[in-house]
Amino acid sequence: LKDMFIDLEPGTDKAPAAQAGYTIPISATAPDVNPDEILAELDSDTRDYLKLLIGDAGRGLEGRGLDLRELLRRFEPTHRDLARVNSAVATRRENLRHLITSLNTLNGELARRGDDLAGLVDSSAAVMREFASEDQNVAAAVGELPGALRQTTDTMTRLERYATILGPTAQNLRPAARALAPANDAVRPLAREAAPLLRDDIRPFVREARPVVRDLRPAARNLSDATPALTRTFAALNHFLNLAAYNPNGREDPGNKDRQEGYLFWAAWVQHMAAQLFSSSDAHGTFRPVTVAAPCATVEQLVKEEPQLEFLTMLTPILTDSQACASG
């Protein structure tokens, strides 16, 4: 049966694990290659050269098996690195093949869209010409860029301070934000009660009051214009009243020679001296009685125009007395 050996490949991570009693299918196996099969592919001269090479190699390595093993051991890292290089080259070969295929597809698509590609080139040329025509504007924009960057830096610095303040502020506003929902729930009954009042009472009143407000607007404007004059008038009246009540030293010692009394004091003094002006008096006071005479027709005309005078001046007894005013 000659020397038999088995070489097992672990496969990939996607392959399922072999269970107990698993049989490897024939499609996943390959037979070993015998030396005579290799030699049968060579011509006679090559076989002779190979025999000489093997024979001379055997005589050269005779008694130096340990040296050969040590040599192979030292070459193990090199073989490992070469294996990595070969793997990378194989991977790059696959990538290169995909790249060539993609480039072929891209070139074919570009060949079918020659007009679109020409339009793209023309548009790109126009865009480049526009950029070239805006050379001065671009240079000016680049010149203003440092100032804009400085302003941006200053703004970001201020925003940093604002953010530093905003953080605690937002944190402090959280209780108020949480209280908004209960506050809305508490206000909702009032809103339900106030909505009909606003809809049925206040809004109709406002609509009806708008014409009156429009009519009052000229009067209010005139009053606003007259307010400065009224202010000056009342200021003058206030000064007059202050002048009438002015009493700089009247509260001081009565024996003071600088004592001055205000006009109100002298008005009372004039009323006091009026009693001496009129020598006669009666039960109604110190002033002399004044008699006003008028015909009954004049009195009746006066009462007709001002009816309240009949009761205020006690004219009813006179008008109803047949001896005072005989009615014909």
C-alpha atoms as a PDB file:
ATOM      1  CA  LEU A   1       0.000   0.000   0.000  1.00  0.00           C
ATOM      2  CA  LYS A   2       3.163   2.223   0.006  1.00  0.00           C
ATOM      3  CA  ASP A   3       3.622   5.067   2.538  1.00  0.00           C
ATOM      4  CA  MET A   4       0.226   6.697   3.221  1.00  0.00           C
ATOM      5  CA  PHE A   5      -0.325  10.179   4.771  1.00  0.00           C
ATOM      6  CA  ILE A   6      -3.291  12.526   5.253  1.00  0.00           C
ATOM      7  CA  ASP A   7      -3.237  16.360   4.902  1.00  0.00           C
ATOM      8  CA  LEU A   8      -6.284  18.082   6.435  1.00  0.00           C
ATOM      9  CA  GLU A   9      -7.194  21.766   5.766  1.00  0.00           C
ATOM     10  CA  PRO A  10      -9.248  23.422   8.539  1.00  0.00           C
ATOM     11  CA  GLY A  11     -11.382  25.347   6.084  1.00  0.00           C
ATOM     12  CA  THR A  12     -12.973  28.774   6.783  1.00  0.00           C
ATOM     13  CA  ASP A  13     -14.944  30.163   9.719  1.00  0.00           C
ATOM     14  CA  LYS A  14     -18.147  29.853   7.700  1.00  0.00           C
ATOM     15  CA  ALA A  15     -17.750  26.066   7.314  1.00  0.00           C
ATOM     16  CA  PRO A  16     -19.820  24.032   9.794  1.00  0.00           C
ATOM     17  CA  ALA A  17     -18.024  22.051  12.525  1.00  0.00           C
ATOM     18  CA  ALA A  18     -17.647  18.291  11.827  1.00  0.00           C
ATOM     19  CA  GLN A  19     -19.701  16.197  14.200  1.00  0.00           C
ATOM     20  CA  ALA A  20     -18.818  12.745  15.544  1.00  0.00           C
ATOM     21  CA  GLY A  21     -18.981  10.109  12.778  1.00  0.00           C
ATOM     22  CA  TYR A  22     -18.781  12.709  10.003  1.00  0.00           C
ATOM     23  CA  THR A  23     -17.595  11.411   6.605  1.00  0.00           C
ATOM     24  CA  ILE A  24     -15.630  13.748   4.361  1.00  0.00           C
ATOM     25  CA  PRO A  25     -17.151  13.619   0.858  1.00  0.00           C
ATOM     26  CA  ILE A  26     -14.991  12.578  -2.085  1.00  0.00           C
ATOM     27  CA  SER A  27     -15.591  15.969  -3.744  1.00  0.00           C
ATOM     28  CA  ALA A  28     -13.668  17.595  -0.874  1.00  0.00           C
ATOM     29  CA  THR A  29     -10.625  15.286  -1.301  1.00  0.00           C
ATOM     30  CA  ALA A  30      -7.759  15.030  -3.763  1.00  0.00           C
ATOM     31  CA  PRO A  31      -5.362  12.050  -4.381  1.00  0.00           C
ATOM     32  CA  ASP A  32      -1.643  12.264  -3.698  1.00  0.00           C
ATOM     33  CA  VAL A  33       0.812  12.728  -6.540  1.00  0.00           C
ATOM     34  CA  ASN A  34       3.403   9.894  -7.021  1.00  0.00           C
ATOM     35  CA  PRO A  35       6.995  10.676  -8.054  1.00  0.00           C
ATOM     36  CA  ASP A  36       6.692   8.600 -11.224  1.00  0.00           C
ATOM     37  CA  GLU A  37       3.790  10.813 -12.320  1.00  0.00           C
ATOM     38  CA  ILE A  38       6.030  13.854 -11.999  1.00  0.00           C
ATOM     39  CA  LEU A  39       8.947  12.205 -13.764  1.00  0.00           C
ATOM     40  CA  ALA A  40       6.669  10.981 -16.542  1.00  0.00           C
ATOM     41  CA  GLU A  41       5.985  14.622 -17.478  1.00  0.00           C
ATOM     42  CA  LEU A  42       9.755  15.253 -18.044  1.00  0.00           C
ATOM     43  CA  ASP A  43      11.816  14.368 -21.085  1.00  0.00           C
ATOM     44  CA  SER A  44      14.843  12.020 -20.909  1.00  0.00           C
ATOM     45  CA  ASP A  45      17.490  14.760 -20.612  1.00  0.00           C
ATOM     46  CA  THR A  46      15.620  16.512 -17.818  1.00  0.00           C
ATOM     47  CA  ARG A  47      15.206  13.234 -15.965  1.00  0.00           C
ATOM     48  CA  ASP A  48      18.968  12.588 -16.257  1.00  0.00           C
ATOM     49  CA  TYR A  49      19.778  16.073 -14.943  1.00  0.00           C
ATOM     50  CA  LEU A  50      17.316  15.591 -12.089  1.00  0.00           C
ATOM     51  CA  LYS A  51      18.915  12.243 -11.184  1.00  0.00           C
ATOM     52  CA  LEU A  52      22.364  13.878 -11.105  1.00  0.00           C
ATOM     53  CA  LEU A  53      20.988  16.759  -8.950  1.00  0.00           C
ATOM     54  CA  ILE A  54      19.387  14.406  -6.477  1.00  0.00           C
ATOM     55  CA  GLY A  55      22.426  12.148  -6.328  1.00  0.00           C
ATOM     56  CA  ASP A  56      24.885  15.017  -5.816  1.00  0.00           C
ATOM     57  CA  ALA A  57      22.545  16.584  -3.208  1.00  0.00           C
ATOM     58  CA  GLY A  58      22.477  13.278  -1.361  1.00  0.00           C
ATOM     59  CA  ARG A  59      26.294  13.009  -1.349  1.00  0.00           C
ATOM     60  CA  GLY A  60      26.614  16.665  -0.244  1.00  0.00           C
ATOM     61  CA  LEU A  61      24.178  16.299   2.626  1.00  0.00           C
ATOM     62  CA  GLU A  62      25.521  12.952   3.802  1.00  0.00           C
ATOM     63  CA  GLY A  63      26.159  13.186   7.552  1.00  0.00           C
ATOM     64  CA  ARG A  64      24.892  16.802   7.690  1.00  0.00           C
ATOM     65  CA  GLY A  65      21.234  16.253   8.476  1.00  0.00           C
ATOM     66  CA  LEU A  66      21.465  18.294  11.689  1.00  0.00           C
ATOM     67  CA  ASP A  67      22.954  21.213   9.772  1.00  0.00           C
ATOM     68  CA  LEU A  68      20.163  21.015   7.212  1.00  0.00           C
ATOM     69  CA  ARG A  69      17.556  20.935   9.972  1.00  0.00           C
ATOM     70  CA  GLU A  70      19.146  23.963  11.677  1.00  0.00           C
ATOM     71  CA  LEU A  71      19.248  25.769   8.351  1.00  0.00           C
ATOM     72  CA  LEU A  72      15.603  25.088   7.710  1.00  0.00           C
ATOM     73  CA  ARG A  73      14.735  26.191  11.259  1.00  0.00           C
ATOM     74  CA  ARG A  74      16.521  29.492  10.728  1.00  0.00           C
ATOM     75  CA  PHE A  75      14.664  30.011   7.476  1.00  0.00           C
ATOM     76  CA  GLU A  76      11.286  29.444   9.153  1.00  0.00           C
ATOM     77  CA  PRO A  77      10.628  33.211   9.884  1.00  0.00           C
ATOM     78  CA  THR A  78      11.603  33.987   6.320  1.00  0.00           C
ATOM     79  CA  HIS A  79       9.200  31.380   5.017  1.00  0.00           C
ATOM     80  CA  ARG A  80       6.464  32.785   7.260  1.00  0.00           C
ATOM     81  CA  ASP A  81       7.039  36.324   5.961  1.00  0.00           C
ATOM     82  CA  LEU A  82       7.140  35.029   2.395  1.00  0.00           C
ATOM     83  CA  ALA A  83       3.819  33.307   3.009  1.00  0.00           C
ATOM     84  CA  ARG A  84       2.343  36.624   4.164  1.00  0.00           C
ATOM     85  CA  VAL A  85       3.791  38.372   1.119  1.00  0.00           C
ATOM     86  CA  ASN A  86       2.366  35.704  -1.188  1.00  0.00           C
ATOM     87  CA  SER A  87      -1.040  36.043   0.516  1.00  0.00           C
ATOM     88  CA  ALA A  88      -0.956  39.822   0.099  1.00  0.00           C
ATOM     89  CA  VAL A  89       0.096  39.448  -3.536  1.00  0.00           C
ATOM     90  CA  ALA A  90      -2.759  37.001  -4.109  1.00  0.00           C
ATOM     91  CA  THR A  91      -5.186  39.420  -2.475  1.00  0.00           C
ATOM     92  CA  ARG A  92      -3.825  42.301  -4.531  1.00  0.00           C
ATOM     93  CA  ARG A  93      -4.181  40.149  -7.614  1.00  0.00           C
ATOM     94  CA  GLU A  94      -7.879  39.668  -6.840  1.00  0.00           C
ATOM     95  CA  ASN A  95      -8.265  43.387  -6.174  1.00  0.00           C
ATOM     96  CA  LEU A  96      -6.393  44.214  -9.358  1.00  0.00           C
ATOM     97  CA  ARG A  97      -8.645  41.891 -11.302  1.00  0.00           C
ATOM     98  CA  HIS A  98     -11.741  43.618  -9.832  1.00  0.00           C
ATOM     99  CA  LEU A  99     -10.149  46.998 -10.584  1.00  0.00           C
ATOM    100  CA  ILE A 100      -9.494  46.079 -14.206  1.00  0.00           C
ATOM    101  CA  THR A 101     -13.040  44.760 -14.549  1.00  0.00           C
ATOM    102  CA  SER A 102     -14.483  47.943 -13.041  1.00  0.00           C
ATOM    103  CA  LEU A 103     -12.294  50.126 -15.262  1.00  0.00           C
ATOM    104  CA  ASN A 104     -13.462  48.158 -18.281  1.00  0.00           C
ATOM    105  CA  THR A 105     -17.082  48.703 -17.270  1.00  0.00           C
ATOM    106  CA  LEU A 106     -16.432  52.410 -16.625  1.00  0.00           C
ATOM    107  CA  ASN A 107     -14.655  52.906 -19.948  1.00  0.00           C
ATOM    108  CA  GLY A 108     -17.461  51.140 -21.774  1.00  0.00           C
ATOM    109  CA  GLU A 109     -20.057  53.340 -20.079  1.00  0.00           C
ATOM    110  CA  LEU A 110     -18.028  56.472 -20.859  1.00  0.00           C
ATOM    111  CA  ALA A 111     -17.696  55.389 -24.475  1.00  0.00           C
ATOM    112  CA  ARG A 112     -21.488  55.092 -24.731  1.00  0.00           C
ATOM    113  CA  ARG A 113     -21.955  58.533 -23.162  1.00  0.00           C
ATOM    114  CA  GLY A 114     -19.499  60.553 -25.204  1.00  0.00           C
ATOM    115  CA  ASP A 115     -21.921  63.479 -25.662  1.00  0.00           C
ATOM    116  CA  ASP A 116     -22.616  63.705 -21.920  1.00  0.00           C
ATOM    117  CA  LEU A 117     -18.880  63.607 -21.204  1.00  0.00           C
ATOM    118  CA  ALA A 118     -18.271  66.379 -23.707  1.00  0.00           C
ATOM    119  CA  GLY A 119     -21.004  68.446 -22.054  1.00  0.00           C
ATOM    120  CA  LEU A 120     -19.416  67.813 -18.674  1.00  0.00           C
ATOM    121  CA  VAL A 121     -16.044  69.007 -19.987  1.00  0.00           C
ATOM    122  CA  ASP A 122     -17.653  72.127 -21.505  1.00  0.00           C
ATOM    123  CA  SER A 123     -19.491  72.877 -18.225  1.00  0.00           C
ATOM    124  CA  SER A 124     -16.283  72.385 -16.255  1.00  0.00           C
ATOM    125  CA  ALA A 125     -14.473  74.763 -18.608  1.00  0.00           C
ATOM    126  CA  ALA A 126     -17.231  77.367 -18.157  1.00  0.00           C
ATOM    127  CA  VAL A 127     -17.055  76.990 -14.373  1.00  0.00           C
ATOM    128  CA  MET A 128     -13.281  77.391 -14.468  1.00  0.00           C
ATOM    129  CA  ARG A 129     -13.625  80.527 -16.606  1.00  0.00           C
ATOM    130  CA  GLU A 130     -16.112  81.950 -14.107  1.00  0.00           C
ATOM    131  CA  PHE A 131     -13.706  81.213 -11.273  1.00  0.00           C
ATOM    132  CA  ALA A 132     -10.936  82.909 -13.228  1.00  0.00           C
ATOM    133  CA  SER A 133     -13.111  85.992 -13.839  1.00  0.00           C
ATOM    134  CA  GLU A 134     -13.788  86.221 -10.084  1.00  0.00           C
ATOM    135  CA  ASP A 135     -10.084  86.259  -9.266  1.00  0.00           C
ATOM    136  CA  GLN A 136     -10.190  89.733  -7.690  1.00  0.00           C
ATOM    137  CA  ASN A 137     -13.274  88.915  -5.632  1.00  0.00           C
ATOM    138  CA  VAL A 138     -11.684  85.686  -4.433  1.00  0.00           C
ATOM    139  CA  ALA A 139      -8.525  87.583  -3.506  1.00  0.00           C
ATOM    140  CA  ALA A 140     -10.610  90.175  -1.616  1.00  0.00           C
ATOM    141  CA  ALA A 141     -12.482  87.395   0.184  1.00  0.00           C
ATOM    142  CA  VAL A 142      -9.194  85.761   1.135  1.00  0.00           C
ATOM    143  CA  GLY A 143      -7.912  89.136   2.350  1.00  0.00           C
ATOM    144  CA  GLU A 144     -10.972  89.565   4.581  1.00  0.00           C
ATOM    145  CA  LEU A 145     -10.728  86.021   5.860  1.00  0.00           C
ATOM    146  CA  PRO A 146      -8.254  86.821   8.731  1.00  0.00           C
ATOM    147  CA  GLY A 147     -10.584  89.511  10.098  1.00  0.00           C
ATOM    148  CA  ALA A 148     -13.535  87.160   9.828  1.00  0.00           C
ATOM    149  CA  LEU A 149     -11.561  84.473  11.633  1.00  0.00           C
ATOM    150  CA  ARG A 150     -10.628  86.933  14.404  1.00  0.00           C
ATOM    151  CA  GLN A 151     -14.260  87.979  14.735  1.00  0.00           C
ATOM    152  CA  THR A 152     -15.301  84.336  14.777  1.00  0.00           C
ATOM    153  CA  THR A 153     -12.739  83.613  17.489  1.00  0.00           C
ATOM    154  CA  ASP A 154     -14.009  86.543  19.583  1.00  0.00           C
ATOM    155  CA  THR A 155     -17.618  85.457  19.038  1.00  0.00           C
ATOM    156  CA  MET A 156     -16.840  81.888  20.029  1.00  0.00           C
ATOM    157  CA  THR A 157     -15.088  83.166  23.168  1.00  0.00           C
ATOM    158  CA  ARG A 158     -18.190  85.144  24.100  1.00  0.00           C
ATOM    159  CA  LEU A 159     -20.385  82.193  23.269  1.00  0.00           C
ATOM    160  CA  GLU A 160     -18.255  80.101  25.600  1.00  0.00           C
ATOM    161  CA  ARG A 161     -18.976  82.536  28.438  1.00  0.00           C
ATOM    162  CA  TYR A 162     -22.643  82.534  27.460  1.00  0.00           C
ATOM    163  CA  ALA A 163     -22.685  78.732  27.436  1.00  0.00           C
ATOM    164  CA  THR A 164     -21.013  78.726  30.862  1.00  0.00           C
ATOM    165  CA  ILE A 165     -23.832  80.918  32.185  1.00  0.00           C
ATOM    166  CA  LEU A 166     -26.516  79.122  30.196  1.00  0.00           C
ATOM    167  CA  GLY A 167     -25.725  75.742  31.742  1.00  0.00           C
ATOM    168  CA  PRO A 168     -26.506  76.720  35.379  1.00  0.00           C
ATOM    169  CA  THR A 169     -29.413  78.865  34.178  1.00  0.00           C
ATOM    170  CA  ALA A 170     -30.995  75.954  32.333  1.00  0.00           C
ATOM    171  CA  GLN A 171     -30.348  73.771  35.367  1.00  0.00           C
ATOM    172  CA  ASN A 172     -32.130  76.302  37.600  1.00  0.00           C
ATOM    173  CA  LEU A 173     -35.010  76.568  35.122  1.00  0.00           C
ATOM    174  CA  ARG A 174     -35.696  72.854  35.280  1.00  0.00           C
ATOM    175  CA  PRO A 175     -37.958  73.131  38.370  1.00  0.00           C
ATOM    176  CA  ALA A 176     -39.973  75.850  36.617  1.00  0.00           C
ATOM    177  CA  ALA A 177     -40.233  73.702  33.488  1.00  0.00           C
ATOM    178  CA  ARG A 178     -41.362  70.738  35.572  1.00  0.00           C
ATOM    179  CA  ALA A 179     -43.953  72.969  37.276  1.00  0.00           C
ATOM    180  CA  LEU A 180     -45.434  74.082  33.934  1.00  0.00           C
ATOM    181  CA  ALA A 181     -47.500  70.934  33.487  1.00  0.00           C
ATOM    182  CA  PRO A 182     -49.141  71.150  36.968  1.00  0.00           C
ATOM    183  CA  ALA A 183     -49.659  74.891  36.437  1.00  0.00           C
ATOM    184  CA  ASN A 184     -51.375  74.220  33.110  1.00  0.00           C
ATOM    185  CA  ASP A 185     -53.553  71.596  34.765  1.00  0.00           C
ATOM    186  CA  ALA A 186     -54.457  74.088  37.502  1.00  0.00           C
ATOM    187  CA  VAL A 187     -55.223  76.873  34.999  1.00  0.00           C
ATOM    188  CA  ARG A 188     -57.286  74.619  32.731  1.00  0.00           C
ATOM    189  CA  PRO A 189     -60.547  74.911  34.809  1.00  0.00           C
ATOM    190  CA  LEU A 190     -60.199  78.717  34.826  1.00  0.00           C
ATOM    191  CA  ALA A 191     -59.622  78.671  31.072  1.00  0.00           C
ATOM    192  CA  ARG A 192     -62.736  76.538  30.557  1.00  0.00           C
ATOM    193  CA  GLU A 193     -64.803  79.002  32.627  1.00  0.00           C
ATOM    194  CA  ALA A 194     -63.238  82.098  31.053  1.00  0.00           C
ATOM    195  CA  ALA A 195     -63.569  80.907  27.447  1.00  0.00           C
ATOM    196  CA  PRO A 196     -67.393  81.366  27.310  1.00  0.00           C
ATOM    197  CA  LEU A 197     -67.072  84.790  28.965  1.00  0.00           C
ATOM    198  CA  LEU A 198     -64.500  85.887  26.419  1.00  0.00           C
ATOM    199  CA  ARG A 199     -66.527  84.471  23.548  1.00  0.00           C
ATOM    200  CA  ASP A 200     -70.012  85.594  24.601  1.00  0.00           C
ATOM    201  CA  ASP A 201     -69.419  88.777  26.641  1.00  0.00           C
ATOM    202  CA  ILE A 202     -66.020  90.384  26.234  1.00  0.00           C
ATOM    203  CA  ARG A 203     -65.611  89.907  22.478  1.00  0.00           C
ATOM    204  CA  PRO A 204     -69.127  91.274  21.640  1.00  0.00           C
ATOM    205  CA  PHE A 205     -68.479  94.209  23.988  1.00  0.00           C
ATOM    206  CA  VAL A 206     -65.176  94.935  22.262  1.00  0.00           C
ATOM    207  CA  ARG A 207     -66.826  94.762  18.828  1.00  0.00           C
ATOM    208  CA  GLU A 208     -69.565  97.153  19.961  1.00  0.00           C
ATOM    209  CA  ALA A 209     -67.073  99.479  21.669  1.00  0.00           C
ATOM    210  CA  ARG A 210     -64.817  99.818  18.633  1.00  0.00           C
ATOM    211  CA  PRO A 211     -66.991 102.502  16.917  1.00  0.00           C
ATOM    212  CA  VAL A 212     -67.124 104.481  20.176  1.00  0.00           C
ATOM    213  CA  VAL A 213     -63.385 104.181  20.572  1.00  0.00           C
ATOM    214  CA  ARG A 214     -62.896 105.368  16.992  1.00  0.00           C
ATOM    215  CA  ASP A 215     -65.174 108.347  17.720  1.00  0.00           C
ATOM    216  CA  LEU A 216     -63.306 109.083  20.952  1.00  0.00           C
ATOM    217  CA  ARG A 217     -59.930 108.976  19.233  1.00  0.00           C
ATOM    218  CA  PRO A 218     -60.124 112.594  17.883  1.00  0.00           C
ATOM    219  CA  ALA A 219     -61.312 113.851  21.287  1.00  0.00           C
ATOM    220  CA  ALA A 220     -58.539 111.955  23.037  1.00  0.00           C
ATOM    221  CA  ARG A 221     -56.032 113.348  20.526  1.00  0.00           C
ATOM    222  CA  ASN A 222     -57.313 116.877  21.155  1.00  0.00           C
ATOM    223  CA  LEU A 223     -57.177 116.283  24.907  1.00  0.00           C
ATOM    224  CA  SER A 224     -53.623 115.042  24.521  1.00  0.00           C
ATOM    225  CA  ASP A 225     -52.765 118.217  22.605  1.00  0.00           C
ATOM    226  CA  ALA A 226     -54.465 120.366  25.244  1.00  0.00           C
ATOM    227  CA  THR A 227     -52.882 118.574  28.181  1.00  0.00           C
ATOM    228  CA  PRO A 228     -49.662 120.669  28.152  1.00  0.00           C
ATOM    229  CA  ALA A 229     -51.744 123.875  28.176  1.00  0.00           C
ATOM    230  CA  LEU A 230     -53.905 122.508  31.002  1.00  0.00           C
ATOM    231  CA  THR A 231     -50.770 121.572  32.876  1.00  0.00           C
ATOM    232  CA  ARG A 232     -49.439 125.093  32.542  1.00  0.00           C
ATOM    233  CA  THR A 233     -52.843 126.518  33.552  1.00  0.00           C
ATOM    234  CA  PHE A 234     -53.085 124.408  36.690  1.00  0.00           C
ATOM    235  CA  ALA A 235     -49.439 125.213  37.455  1.00  0.00           C
ATOM    236  CA  ALA A 236     -50.260 128.941  37.277  1.00  0.00           C
ATOM    237  CA  LEU A 237     -53.376 128.379  39.423  1.00  0.00           C
ATOM    238  CA  ASN A 238     -51.277 126.443  41.925  1.00  0.00           C
ATOM    239  CA  HIS A 239     -48.786 129.321  42.026  1.00  0.00           C
ATOM    240  CA  PHE A 240     -51.672 131.762  42.596  1.00  0.00           C
ATOM    241  CA  LEU A 241     -53.022 129.682  45.473  1.00  0.00           C
ATOM    242  CA  ASN A 242     -49.530 129.351  46.922  1.00  0.00           C
ATOM    243  CA  LEU A 243     -49.182 133.136  46.654  1.00  0.00           C
ATOM    244  CA  ALA A 244     -52.518 133.634  48.440  1.00  0.00           C
ATOM    245  CA  ALA A 245     -51.493 131.287  51.250  1.00  0.00           C
ATOM    246  CA  TYR A 246     -47.858 132.434  51.382  1.00  0.00           C
ATOM    247  CA  ASN A 247     -46.924 133.133  54.990  1.00  0.00           C
ATOM    248  CA  PRO A 248     -43.137 133.291  55.361  1.00  0.00           C
ATOM    249  CA  ASN A 249     -42.865 134.539  58.997  1.00  0.00           C
ATOM    250  CA  GLY A 250     -46.454 134.327  60.188  1.00  0.00           C
ATOM    251  CA  ARG A 251     -45.715 131.341  62.405  1.00  0.00           C
ATOM    252  CA  GLU A 252     -42.925 133.077  64.235  1.00  0.00           C
ATOM    253  CA  ASP A 253     -43.157 135.081  67.382  1.00  0.00           C
ATOM    254  CA  PRO A 254     -46.057 137.614  67.101  1.00  0.00           C
ATOM    255  CA  GLY A 255     -43.708 140.287  68.469  1.00  0.00           C
ATOM    256  CA  ASN A 256     -41.303 139.841  65.607  1.00  0.00           C
ATOM    257  CA  LYS A 257     -41.114 142.958  63.423  1.00  0.00           C
ATOM    258  CA  ASP A 258     -40.461 140.820  60.325  1.00  0.00           C
ATOM    259  CA  ARG A 259     -43.735 138.979  60.786  1.00  0.00           C
ATOM    260  CA  GLN A 260     -45.657 138.816  57.461  1.00  0.00           C
ATOM    261  CA  GLU A 261     -49.146 137.458  56.943  1.00  0.00           C
ATOM    262  CA  GLY A 262     -50.531 135.936  53.765  1.00  0.00           C
ATOM    263  CA  TYR A 263     -53.409 137.175  51.664  1.00  0.00           C
ATOM    264  CA  LEU A 264     -55.815 134.722  53.287  1.00  0.00           C
ATOM    265  CA  PHE A 265     -55.155 136.333  56.635  1.00  0.00           C
ATOM    266  CA  TRP A 266     -55.889 139.768  55.257  1.00  0.00           C
ATOM    267  CA  ALA A 267     -59.057 138.499  53.461  1.00  0.00           C
ATOM    268  CA  ALA A 268     -60.365 137.312  56.847  1.00  0.00           C
ATOM    269  CA  TRP A 269     -59.346 140.641  58.331  1.00  0.00           C
ATOM    270  CA  VAL A 270     -61.318 142.499  55.629  1.00  0.00           C
ATOM    271  CA  GLN A 271     -64.401 140.361  56.440  1.00  0.00           C
ATOM    272  CA  HIS A 272     -63.916 141.160  60.106  1.00  0.00           C
ATOM    273  CA  MET A 273     -63.688 144.880  59.390  1.00  0.00           C
ATOM    274  CA  ALA A 274     -66.826 144.744  57.216  1.00  0.00           C
ATOM    275  CA  ALA A 275     -68.891 144.640  60.401  1.00  0.00           C
ATOM    276  CA  GLN A 276     -67.565 148.120  61.159  1.00  0.00           C
ATOM    277  CA  LEU A 277     -68.303 149.296  57.636  1.00  0.00           C
ATOM    278  CA  PHE A 278     -72.062 148.702  57.999  1.00  0.00           C
ATOM    279  CA  SER A 279     -73.518 150.293  61.149  1.00  0.00           C
ATOM    280  CA  SER A 280     -76.855 148.468  61.100  1.00  0.00           C
ATOM    281  CA  SER A 281     -77.466 144.716  61.199  1.00  0.00           C
ATOM    282  CA  ASP A 282     -80.312 142.289  61.734  1.00  0.00           C
ATOM    283  CA  ALA A 283     -80.783 138.641  62.492  1.00  0.00           C
ATOM    284  CA  HIS A 284     -79.490 137.685  59.044  1.00  0.00           C
ATOM    285  CA  GLY A 285     -76.055 139.216  59.534  1.00  0.00           C
ATOM    286  CA  THR A 286     -74.115 142.431  59.388  1.00  0.00           C
ATOM    287  CA  PHE A 287     -74.674 143.116  55.702  1.00  0.00           C
ATOM    288  CA  ARG A 288     -77.448 145.422  54.643  1.00  0.00           C
ATOM    289  CA  PRO A 289     -80.480 143.700  53.057  1.00  0.00           C
ATOM    290  CA  VAL A 290     -80.851 144.239  49.341  1.00  0.00           C
ATOM    291  CA  THR A 291     -84.304 144.566  47.775  1.00  0.00           C
ATOM    292  CA  VAL A 292     -84.753 143.474  44.197  1.00  0.00           C
ATOM    293  CA  ALA A 293     -87.970 144.648  42.470  1.00  0.00           C
ATOM    294  CA  ALA A 294     -89.334 143.371  39.208  1.00  0.00           C
ATOM    295  CA  PRO A 295     -92.801 143.161  37.534  1.00  0.00           C
ATOM    296  CA  CYS A 296     -94.689 139.906  37.906  1.00  0.00           C
ATOM    297  CA  ALA A 297     -94.477 139.320  34.160  1.00  0.00           C
ATOM    298  CA  THR A 298     -90.676 139.524  34.325  1.00  0.00           C
ATOM    299  CA  VAL A 299     -90.628 137.149  37.288  1.00  0.00           C
ATOM    300  CA  GLU A 300     -92.951 134.685  35.520  1.00  0.00           C
ATOM    301  CA  GLN A 301     -90.771 134.830  32.404  1.00  0.00           C
ATOM    302  CA  LEU A 302     -87.668 134.225  34.536  1.00  0.00           C
ATOM    303  CA  VAL A 303     -89.281 131.235  36.276  1.00  0.00           C
ATOM    304  CA  LYS A 304     -90.422 129.830  32.943  1.00  0.00           C
ATOM    305  CA  GLU A 305     -86.839 129.925  31.698  1.00  0.00           C
ATOM    306  CA  GLU A 306     -85.296 128.725  34.961  1.00  0.00           C
ATOM    307  CA  PRO A 307     -87.956 126.687  36.842  1.00  0.00           C
ATOM    308  CA  GLN A 308     -85.602 125.834  39.716  1.00  0.00           C
ATOM    309  CA  LEU A 309     -85.452 129.508  40.750  1.00  0.00           C
ATOM    310  CA  GLU A 310     -89.089 129.337  41.865  1.00  0.00           C
ATOM    311  CA  PHE A 311     -88.146 127.022  44.700  1.00  0.00           C
ATOM    312  CA  LEU A 312     -84.671 128.355  45.422  1.00  0.00           C
ATOM    313  CA  THR A 313     -85.777 132.003  45.809  1.00  0.00           C
ATOM    314  CA  MET A 314     -89.161 131.271  47.404  1.00  0.00           C
ATOM    315  CA  LEU A 315     -91.115 132.896  44.518  1.00  0.00           C
ATOM    316  CA  THR A 316     -94.089 130.510  44.730  1.00  0.00           C
ATOM    317  CA  PRO A 317     -95.946 132.495  47.466  1.00  0.00           C
ATOM    318  CA  ILE A 318     -95.498 135.719  45.514  1.00  0.00           C
ATOM    319  CA  LEU A 319     -96.684 134.321  42.220  1.00  0.00           C
ATOM    320  CA  THR A 320     -99.724 132.685  43.802  1.00  0.00           C
ATOM    321  CA  ASP A 321    -100.714 135.741  45.861  1.00  0.00           C
ATOM    322  CA  SER A 322    -103.596 137.595  44.146  1.00  0.00           C
ATOM    323  CA  GLN A 323    -102.635 140.855  45.805  1.00  0.00           C
ATOM    324  CA  ALA A 324     -98.972 140.654  44.774  1.00  0.00           C
ATOM    325  CA  CYS A 325     -99.512 139.426  41.263  1.00  0.00           C
ATOM    326  CA  ALA A 326    -103.110 139.752  40.158  1.00  0.00           C
ATOM    327  CA  SER A 327    -103.897 137.556  37.264  1.00  0.00           C
ATOM    328  CA  GLY A 328    -106.233 139.171  34.861  1.00  0.00           C
END
